[in-house]
């Protein structure tokens, strides 16, 4: 079993930057595919970015060129570097780890983009 804990959320002005972290424990982090999801009020949870165990990445069109996902297997941590933030990026951001039929979620961290 994997425990995931997100951190790094907060309030930022439009155009600003934040880096989210997702710290994993309880299993071998490197074998899991990882992803960042977000859920805004009244909307469905959506994929923001994902990174495979082999380091292949993909992004939602809405964040391409602004967000960068990465992982540090030695630290069992995944990151999401967010730049040029927009008010529409406001949401609770969740990290997910998956392997086969197994998936694990963190508790979420709030990101608010507002002036």
C-alpha atoms as a PDB file:
ATOM      1  CA  UNK A   1       0.000   0.000   0.000  1.00  0.00           C
ATOM      2  CA  UNK A   2       1.097   3.559  -0.749  1.00  0.00           C
ATOM      3  CA  UNK A   3       0.460   6.659   1.293  1.00  0.00           C
ATOM      4  CA  UNK A   4       0.562   9.953  -0.603  1.00  0.00           C
ATOM      5  CA  UNK A   5       0.806  13.413   0.935  1.00  0.00           C
ATOM      6  CA  UNK A   6       0.582  16.589  -1.138  1.00  0.00           C
ATOM      7  CA  UNK A   7       2.031  19.932  -0.122  1.00  0.00           C
ATOM      8  CA  UNK A   8       2.897  23.297  -1.632  1.00  0.00           C
ATOM      9  CA  UNK A   9      -0.533  24.700  -2.377  1.00  0.00           C
ATOM     10  CA  UNK A  10      -1.579  28.212  -1.488  1.00  0.00           C
ATOM     11  CA  UNK A  11      -2.741  31.577  -2.741  1.00  0.00           C
ATOM     12  CA  UNK A  12      -0.888  33.092  -5.682  1.00  0.00           C
ATOM     13  CA  UNK A  13      -1.523  36.018  -7.999  1.00  0.00           C
ATOM     14  CA  UNK A  14      -2.235  35.486 -11.694  1.00  0.00           C
ATOM     15  CA  UNK A  15       1.018  35.005 -13.550  1.00  0.00           C
ATOM     16  CA  UNK A  16       2.715  33.590 -10.477  1.00  0.00           C
ATOM     17  CA  UNK A  17       4.266  30.215  -9.793  1.00  0.00           C
ATOM     18  CA  UNK A  18       3.913  27.382  -7.310  1.00  0.00           C
ATOM     19  CA  UNK A  19       5.555  24.001  -6.897  1.00  0.00           C
ATOM     20  CA  UNK A  20       3.488  21.136  -5.557  1.00  0.00           C
ATOM     21  CA  UNK A  21       5.056  18.067  -3.997  1.00  0.00           C
ATOM     22  CA  UNK A  22       3.652  14.596  -3.478  1.00  0.00           C
ATOM     23  CA  UNK A  23       5.582  12.505  -0.979  1.00  0.00           C
ATOM     24  CA  UNK A  24       5.050   8.757  -1.080  1.00  0.00           C
ATOM     25  CA  UNK A  25       5.667   6.115   1.544  1.00  0.00           C
ATOM     26  CA  UNK A  26       4.853   2.510   2.161  1.00  0.00           C
ATOM     27  CA  UNK A  27       5.985   0.920  -1.066  1.00  0.00           C
ATOM     28  CA  UNK A  28       8.521   1.122  -3.855  1.00  0.00           C
ATOM     29  CA  UNK A  29       7.760   4.508  -5.390  1.00  0.00           C
ATOM     30  CA  UNK A  30       9.680   3.942  -8.614  1.00  0.00           C
ATOM     31  CA  UNK A  31       7.359   1.214  -9.899  1.00  0.00           C
ATOM     32  CA  UNK A  32       4.255   3.375  -9.812  1.00  0.00           C
ATOM     33  CA  UNK A  33       2.848   5.539 -12.543  1.00  0.00           C
ATOM     34  CA  UNK A  34       2.050   8.912 -10.995  1.00  0.00           C
ATOM     35  CA  UNK A  35      -0.254  11.749 -11.855  1.00  0.00           C
ATOM     36  CA  UNK A  36      -1.618  15.100 -10.761  1.00  0.00           C
ATOM     37  CA  UNK A  37      -5.345  15.727 -10.940  1.00  0.00           C
ATOM     38  CA  UNK A  38      -7.420  18.717  -9.981  1.00  0.00           C
ATOM     39  CA  UNK A  39     -11.021  19.415  -9.090  1.00  0.00           C
ATOM     40  CA  UNK A  40     -12.584  22.840  -9.152  1.00  0.00           C
ATOM     41  CA  UNK A  41     -15.866  23.574  -7.350  1.00  0.00           C
ATOM     42  CA  UNK A  42     -18.789  22.156  -9.299  1.00  0.00           C
ATOM     43  CA  UNK A  43     -16.557  20.382 -11.804  1.00  0.00           C
ATOM     44  CA  UNK A  44     -15.327  16.858 -12.303  1.00  0.00           C
ATOM     45  CA  UNK A  45     -11.843  15.830 -11.324  1.00  0.00           C
ATOM     46  CA  UNK A  46      -9.532  16.068 -14.320  1.00  0.00           C
ATOM     47  CA  UNK A  47      -6.058  14.906 -15.205  1.00  0.00           C
ATOM     48  CA  UNK A  48      -3.476  17.693 -15.186  1.00  0.00           C
ATOM     49  CA  UNK A  49      -0.270  15.780 -15.862  1.00  0.00           C
ATOM     50  CA  UNK A  50       1.094  12.268 -15.567  1.00  0.00           C
ATOM     51  CA  UNK A  51       4.465  10.588 -15.493  1.00  0.00           C
ATOM     52  CA  UNK A  52       5.088   6.898 -15.974  1.00  0.00           C
ATOM     53  CA  UNK A  53       7.474   4.779 -13.966  1.00  0.00           C
ATOM     54  CA  UNK A  54       9.847   5.188 -16.900  1.00  0.00           C
ATOM     55  CA  UNK A  55       9.608   8.967 -16.912  1.00  0.00           C
ATOM     56  CA  UNK A  56       7.314   9.510 -19.887  1.00  0.00           C
ATOM     57  CA  UNK A  57       5.113  12.542 -19.357  1.00  0.00           C
ATOM     58  CA  UNK A  58       1.832  13.839 -20.725  1.00  0.00           C
ATOM     59  CA  UNK A  59      -0.155  16.977 -20.013  1.00  0.00           C
ATOM     60  CA  UNK A  60      -3.647  18.338 -20.355  1.00  0.00           C
ATOM     61  CA  UNK A  61      -3.826  20.817 -23.211  1.00  0.00           C
ATOM     62  CA  UNK A  62      -4.819  23.557 -20.783  1.00  0.00           C
ATOM     63  CA  UNK A  63      -1.480  23.373 -18.926  1.00  0.00           C
ATOM     64  CA  UNK A  64       0.981  22.503 -21.700  1.00  0.00           C
ATOM     65  CA  UNK A  65       3.905  24.878 -21.706  1.00  0.00           C
ATOM     66  CA  UNK A  66       3.055  26.188 -18.225  1.00  0.00           C
ATOM     67  CA  UNK A  67       3.269  23.138 -15.943  1.00  0.00           C
ATOM     68  CA  UNK A  68       6.056  20.589 -15.585  1.00  0.00           C
ATOM     69  CA  UNK A  69       5.707  17.232 -13.874  1.00  0.00           C
ATOM     70  CA  UNK A  70       8.743  15.408 -12.526  1.00  0.00           C
ATOM     71  CA  UNK A  71       9.674  12.694 -10.078  1.00  0.00           C
ATOM     72  CA  UNK A  72      12.619  11.948  -7.832  1.00  0.00           C
ATOM     73  CA  UNK A  73      12.581   8.237  -7.155  1.00  0.00           C
ATOM     74  CA  UNK A  74      15.417   8.500  -4.631  1.00  0.00           C
ATOM     75  CA  UNK A  75      13.222  10.812  -2.544  1.00  0.00           C
ATOM     76  CA  UNK A  76       9.948   9.005  -3.376  1.00  0.00           C
ATOM     77  CA  UNK A  77       8.513  12.342  -4.392  1.00  0.00           C
ATOM     78  CA  UNK A  78       6.681  13.737  -7.396  1.00  0.00           C
ATOM     79  CA  UNK A  79       6.507  17.416  -8.246  1.00  0.00           C
ATOM     80  CA  UNK A  80       4.363  19.747 -10.271  1.00  0.00           C
ATOM     81  CA  UNK A  81       6.000  23.038 -11.184  1.00  0.00           C
ATOM     82  CA  UNK A  82       3.258  25.486 -12.134  1.00  0.00           C
ATOM     83  CA  UNK A  83       4.041  28.766 -13.871  1.00  0.00           C
ATOM     84  CA  UNK A  84       1.998  31.518 -15.517  1.00  0.00           C
ATOM     85  CA  UNK A  85      -0.889  30.562 -13.281  1.00  0.00           C
ATOM     86  CA  UNK A  86      -4.391  31.640 -14.253  1.00  0.00           C
ATOM     87  CA  UNK A  87      -7.550  32.033 -12.164  1.00  0.00           C
ATOM     88  CA  UNK A  88      -8.958  28.981 -13.949  1.00  0.00           C
ATOM     89  CA  UNK A  89      -6.167  26.895 -12.424  1.00  0.00           C
ATOM     90  CA  UNK A  90      -7.849  27.344  -9.053  1.00  0.00           C
ATOM     91  CA  UNK A  91      -8.732  23.898  -7.700  1.00  0.00           C
ATOM     92  CA  UNK A  92      -7.845  21.224  -5.205  1.00  0.00           C
ATOM     93  CA  UNK A  93      -4.883  19.335  -6.612  1.00  0.00           C
ATOM     94  CA  UNK A  94      -4.538  15.630  -5.917  1.00  0.00           C
ATOM     95  CA  UNK A  95      -1.747  13.203  -6.618  1.00  0.00           C
ATOM     96  CA  UNK A  96      -2.404   9.643  -7.643  1.00  0.00           C
ATOM     97  CA  UNK A  97      -0.205   6.592  -7.823  1.00  0.00           C
ATOM     98  CA  UNK A  98      -1.211   3.566  -9.846  1.00  0.00           C
ATOM     99  CA  UNK A  99       0.081   0.131 -10.771  1.00  0.00           C
ATOM    100  CA  UNK A 100      -2.131  -2.292 -12.574  1.00  0.00           C
ATOM    101  CA  UNK A 101      -5.569  -2.214 -10.953  1.00  0.00           C
ATOM    102  CA  UNK A 102      -4.252  -0.571  -7.807  1.00  0.00           C
ATOM    103  CA  UNK A 103      -4.520   3.161  -7.328  1.00  0.00           C
ATOM    104  CA  UNK A 104      -3.894   5.444  -4.394  1.00  0.00           C
ATOM    105  CA  UNK A 105      -4.843   9.076  -3.826  1.00  0.00           C
ATOM    106  CA  UNK A 106      -3.556  11.832  -1.609  1.00  0.00           C
ATOM    107  CA  UNK A 107      -5.812  14.110   0.416  1.00  0.00           C
ATOM    108  CA  UNK A 108      -5.363  17.115  -1.879  1.00  0.00           C
ATOM    109  CA  UNK A 109      -3.896  20.590  -1.599  1.00  0.00           C
ATOM    110  CA  UNK A 110      -5.731  23.809  -2.427  1.00  0.00           C
ATOM    111  CA  UNK A 111      -4.374  26.118  -5.109  1.00  0.00           C
ATOM    112  CA  UNK A 112      -6.050  29.502  -5.427  1.00  0.00           C
ATOM    113  CA  UNK A 113      -5.062  31.939  -8.165  1.00  0.00           C
ATOM    114  CA  UNK A 114      -6.465  35.361  -7.447  1.00  0.00           C
ATOM    115  CA  UNK A 115      -5.470  38.988  -7.270  1.00  0.00           C
END
